[in-house]
Amino acid sequence: LMGTGIPRESEKMLRESMPALNIILKEGGFLGVRCNNFSPVCQIDTVVPGGAAEKAGLEPGDVITDIDGTPIARFDDLQMEVGRHPPDEEIEITFDRRGVIKKVKLKLMRMKTE
């Protein structure tokens, strides 16, 4: 339940109604990209329409290399680092677009649950 903004009361109801389900609540922000978990780099495959990444101009093919100076090697690193920042927090992303290193500041969003 990463970045969904699910209320604590709803989380509690889920846990009580489905005790065998392993629920991990991460309250970090939502960037809005999909990457291949098995790639040796954090290359964006898809940019979620309306997400923070799209609004900041990130594109499929961009390779994210760091967030606020923290190195990002793979998609798992990206998820962990984004998860450390709450929705509405501004972060700076460094990325490689076809050999050109760029930086962009963006405000993380909350994942829409509809």
C-alpha atoms as a PDB file:
ATOM      1  CA  LEU A   1       0.000   0.000   0.000  1.00  0.00           C
ATOM      2  CA  MET A   2       2.701   2.428  -1.050  1.00  0.00           C
ATOM      3  CA  GLY A   3       1.652   6.049  -1.438  1.00  0.00           C
ATOM      4  CA  THR A   4      -2.071   5.269  -1.417  1.00  0.00           C
ATOM      5  CA  GLY A   5      -2.966   7.499   1.491  1.00  0.00           C
ATOM      6  CA  ILE A   6      -5.207   4.804   2.913  1.00  0.00           C
ATOM      7  CA  PRO A   7      -6.511   5.956   6.319  1.00  0.00           C
ATOM      8  CA  ARG A   8      -5.197   4.118   9.378  1.00  0.00           C
ATOM      9  CA  GLU A   9      -8.738   2.961  10.184  1.00  0.00           C
ATOM     10  CA  SER A  10      -9.034   1.326   6.737  1.00  0.00           C
ATOM     11  CA  GLU A  11      -5.657  -0.335   7.186  1.00  0.00           C
ATOM     12  CA  LYS A  12      -6.853  -1.725  10.511  1.00  0.00           C
ATOM     13  CA  MET A  13     -10.079  -3.026   8.902  1.00  0.00           C
ATOM     14  CA  LEU A  14      -8.074  -4.772   6.167  1.00  0.00           C
ATOM     15  CA  ARG A  15      -5.794  -6.407   8.709  1.00  0.00           C
ATOM     16  CA  GLU A  16      -8.758  -7.602  10.791  1.00  0.00           C
ATOM     17  CA  SER A  17     -10.805  -8.866   7.830  1.00  0.00           C
ATOM     18  CA  MET A  18      -7.860 -10.619   6.133  1.00  0.00           C
ATOM     19  CA  PRO A  19      -5.448 -11.726   8.879  1.00  0.00           C
ATOM     20  CA  ALA A  20      -3.482 -14.026   6.540  1.00  0.00           C
ATOM     21  CA  LEU A  21      -2.728 -11.150   4.151  1.00  0.00           C
ATOM     22  CA  ASN A  22       0.692  -9.541   4.632  1.00  0.00           C
ATOM     23  CA  ILE A  23      -0.016  -5.795   4.455  1.00  0.00           C
ATOM     24  CA  ILE A  24       2.912  -3.425   4.259  1.00  0.00           C
ATOM     25  CA  LEU A  25       1.923   0.225   4.547  1.00  0.00           C
ATOM     26  CA  LYS A  26       4.425   2.694   3.139  1.00  0.00           C
ATOM     27  CA  GLU A  27       3.394   6.276   3.516  1.00  0.00           C
ATOM     28  CA  GLY A  28       5.882   7.753   1.064  1.00  0.00           C
ATOM     29  CA  GLY A  29       5.088   9.794  -1.996  1.00  0.00           C
ATOM     30  CA  PHE A  30       4.300   8.625  -5.514  1.00  0.00           C
ATOM     31  CA  LEU A  31       6.564   9.441  -8.462  1.00  0.00           C
ATOM     32  CA  GLY A  32       4.531   7.822 -11.226  1.00  0.00           C
ATOM     33  CA  VAL A  33       6.966   5.675 -13.203  1.00  0.00           C
ATOM     34  CA  ARG A  34       7.262   1.999 -14.004  1.00  0.00           C
ATOM     35  CA  CYS A  35      10.647   0.392 -14.535  1.00  0.00           C
ATOM     36  CA  ASN A  36      11.902  -3.120 -15.163  1.00  0.00           C
ATOM     37  CA  ASN A  37      12.866  -4.744 -11.852  1.00  0.00           C
ATOM     38  CA  PHE A  38      15.453  -6.897 -13.627  1.00  0.00           C
ATOM     39  CA  SER A  39      17.265  -4.122 -15.486  1.00  0.00           C
ATOM     40  CA  PRO A  40      20.808  -3.307 -14.328  1.00  0.00           C
ATOM     41  CA  VAL A  41      19.858   0.423 -14.355  1.00  0.00           C
ATOM     42  CA  CYS A  42      16.764   2.365 -13.300  1.00  0.00           C
ATOM     43  CA  GLN A  43      15.407   3.075 -16.772  1.00  0.00           C
ATOM     44  CA  ILE A  44      11.867   4.392 -16.999  1.00  0.00           C
ATOM     45  CA  ASP A  45       9.659   2.118 -19.106  1.00  0.00           C
ATOM     46  CA  THR A  46       6.361   3.941 -18.533  1.00  0.00           C
ATOM     47  CA  VAL A  47       5.402   7.337 -17.156  1.00  0.00           C
ATOM     48  CA  VAL A  48       2.019   7.333 -15.400  1.00  0.00           C
ATOM     49  CA  PRO A  49      -0.279   9.984 -16.931  1.00  0.00           C
ATOM     50  CA  GLY A  50      -0.905  12.854 -14.529  1.00  0.00           C
ATOM     51  CA  GLY A  51       1.842  11.736 -12.118  1.00  0.00           C
ATOM     52  CA  ALA A  52       4.680  13.803 -10.695  1.00  0.00           C
ATOM     53  CA  ALA A  53       7.181  12.377 -13.200  1.00  0.00           C
ATOM     54  CA  GLU A  54       5.042  13.357 -16.188  1.00  0.00           C
ATOM     55  CA  LYS A  55       4.461  16.847 -14.813  1.00  0.00           C
ATOM     56  CA  ALA A  56       8.229  17.268 -14.386  1.00  0.00           C
ATOM     57  CA  GLY A  57       8.957  16.128 -17.952  1.00  0.00           C
ATOM     58  CA  LEU A  58      10.478  12.699 -17.301  1.00  0.00           C
ATOM     59  CA  GLU A  59      10.107  10.345 -20.273  1.00  0.00           C
ATOM     60  CA  PRO A  60      10.330   6.625 -21.052  1.00  0.00           C
ATOM     61  CA  GLY A  61      13.977   5.790 -21.688  1.00  0.00           C
ATOM     62  CA  ASP A  62      15.294   8.229 -19.065  1.00  0.00           C
ATOM     63  CA  VAL A  63      17.670   6.533 -16.607  1.00  0.00           C
ATOM     64  CA  ILE A  64      17.343   7.821 -13.042  1.00  0.00           C
ATOM     65  CA  THR A  65      20.779   8.017 -11.412  1.00  0.00           C
ATOM     66  CA  ASP A  66      20.123   9.784  -8.111  1.00  0.00           C
ATOM     67  CA  ILE A  67      17.566  11.483  -5.877  1.00  0.00           C
ATOM     68  CA  ASP A  68      18.799  14.385  -3.758  1.00  0.00           C
ATOM     69  CA  GLY A  69      22.351  13.059  -4.093  1.00  0.00           C
ATOM     70  CA  THR A  70      21.484   9.464  -3.131  1.00  0.00           C
ATOM     71  CA  PRO A  71      22.652   7.089  -5.893  1.00  0.00           C
ATOM     72  CA  ILE A  72      19.941   5.069  -7.642  1.00  0.00           C
ATOM     73  CA  ALA A  73      21.206   1.931  -9.382  1.00  0.00           C
ATOM     74  CA  ARG A  74      18.004  -0.082  -9.870  1.00  0.00           C
ATOM     75  CA  PHE A  75      14.227   0.286  -9.614  1.00  0.00           C
ATOM     76  CA  ASP A  76      14.286  -1.137  -6.072  1.00  0.00           C
ATOM     77  CA  ASP A  77      16.579   1.732  -5.031  1.00  0.00           C
ATOM     78  CA  LEU A  78      14.176   4.233  -6.584  1.00  0.00           C
ATOM     79  CA  GLN A  79      11.183   2.773  -4.741  1.00  0.00           C
ATOM     80  CA  MET A  80      13.034   2.809  -1.419  1.00  0.00           C
ATOM     81  CA  GLU A  81      14.248   6.385  -1.819  1.00  0.00           C
ATOM     82  CA  VAL A  82      10.914   7.771  -3.024  1.00  0.00           C
ATOM     83  CA  GLY A  83       9.243   5.942  -0.116  1.00  0.00           C
ATOM     84  CA  ARG A  84      11.372   7.929   2.343  1.00  0.00           C
ATOM     85  CA  HIS A  85       9.719  11.181   1.232  1.00  0.00           C
ATOM     86  CA  PRO A  86       6.087  12.045   1.972  1.00  0.00           C
ATOM     87  CA  PRO A  87       3.594  13.216  -0.653  1.00  0.00           C
ATOM     88  CA  ASP A  88       3.942  16.933  -1.458  1.00  0.00           C
ATOM     89  CA  GLU A  89       7.666  16.939  -0.643  1.00  0.00           C
ATOM     90  CA  GLU A  90       9.946  18.309  -3.343  1.00  0.00           C
ATOM     91  CA  ILE A  91      12.870  16.160  -4.461  1.00  0.00           C
ATOM     92  CA  GLU A  92      15.587  16.603  -7.075  1.00  0.00           C
ATOM     93  CA  ILE A  93      16.074  13.796  -9.567  1.00  0.00           C
ATOM     94  CA  THR A  94      19.205  13.417 -11.675  1.00  0.00           C
ATOM     95  CA  PHE A  95      18.737  11.385 -14.837  1.00  0.00           C
ATOM     96  CA  ASP A  96      20.452  10.460 -18.069  1.00  0.00           C
ATOM     97  CA  ARG A  97      18.539  11.170 -21.250  1.00  0.00           C
ATOM     98  CA  ARG A  98      20.362   9.643 -24.197  1.00  0.00           C
ATOM     99  CA  GLY A  99      23.796  10.527 -22.767  1.00  0.00           C
ATOM    100  CA  VAL A 100      22.884  13.980 -21.456  1.00  0.00           C
ATOM    101  CA  ILE A 101      22.753  14.332 -17.655  1.00  0.00           C
ATOM    102  CA  LYS A 102      19.795  16.420 -16.485  1.00  0.00           C
ATOM    103  CA  LYS A 103      18.229  17.407 -13.171  1.00  0.00           C
ATOM    104  CA  VAL A 104      14.642  18.180 -12.350  1.00  0.00           C
ATOM    105  CA  LYS A 105      12.882  19.173  -9.147  1.00  0.00           C
ATOM    106  CA  LEU A 106       9.402  17.813  -8.627  1.00  0.00           C
ATOM    107  CA  LYS A 107       6.795  17.491  -5.933  1.00  0.00           C
ATOM    108  CA  LEU A 108       5.833  13.930  -5.083  1.00  0.00           C
ATOM    109  CA  MET A 109       2.154  13.059  -5.219  1.00  0.00           C
ATOM    110  CA  ARG A 110      -0.152  10.638  -3.472  1.00  0.00           C
ATOM    111  CA  MET A 111      -1.137   7.519  -5.412  1.00  0.00           C
ATOM    112  CA  LYS A 112      -4.747   7.682  -6.534  1.00  0.00           C
ATOM    113  CA  THR A 113      -6.809   4.745  -5.280  1.00  0.00           C
ATOM    114  CA  GLU A 114      -9.811   5.127  -7.622  1.00  0.00           C
END
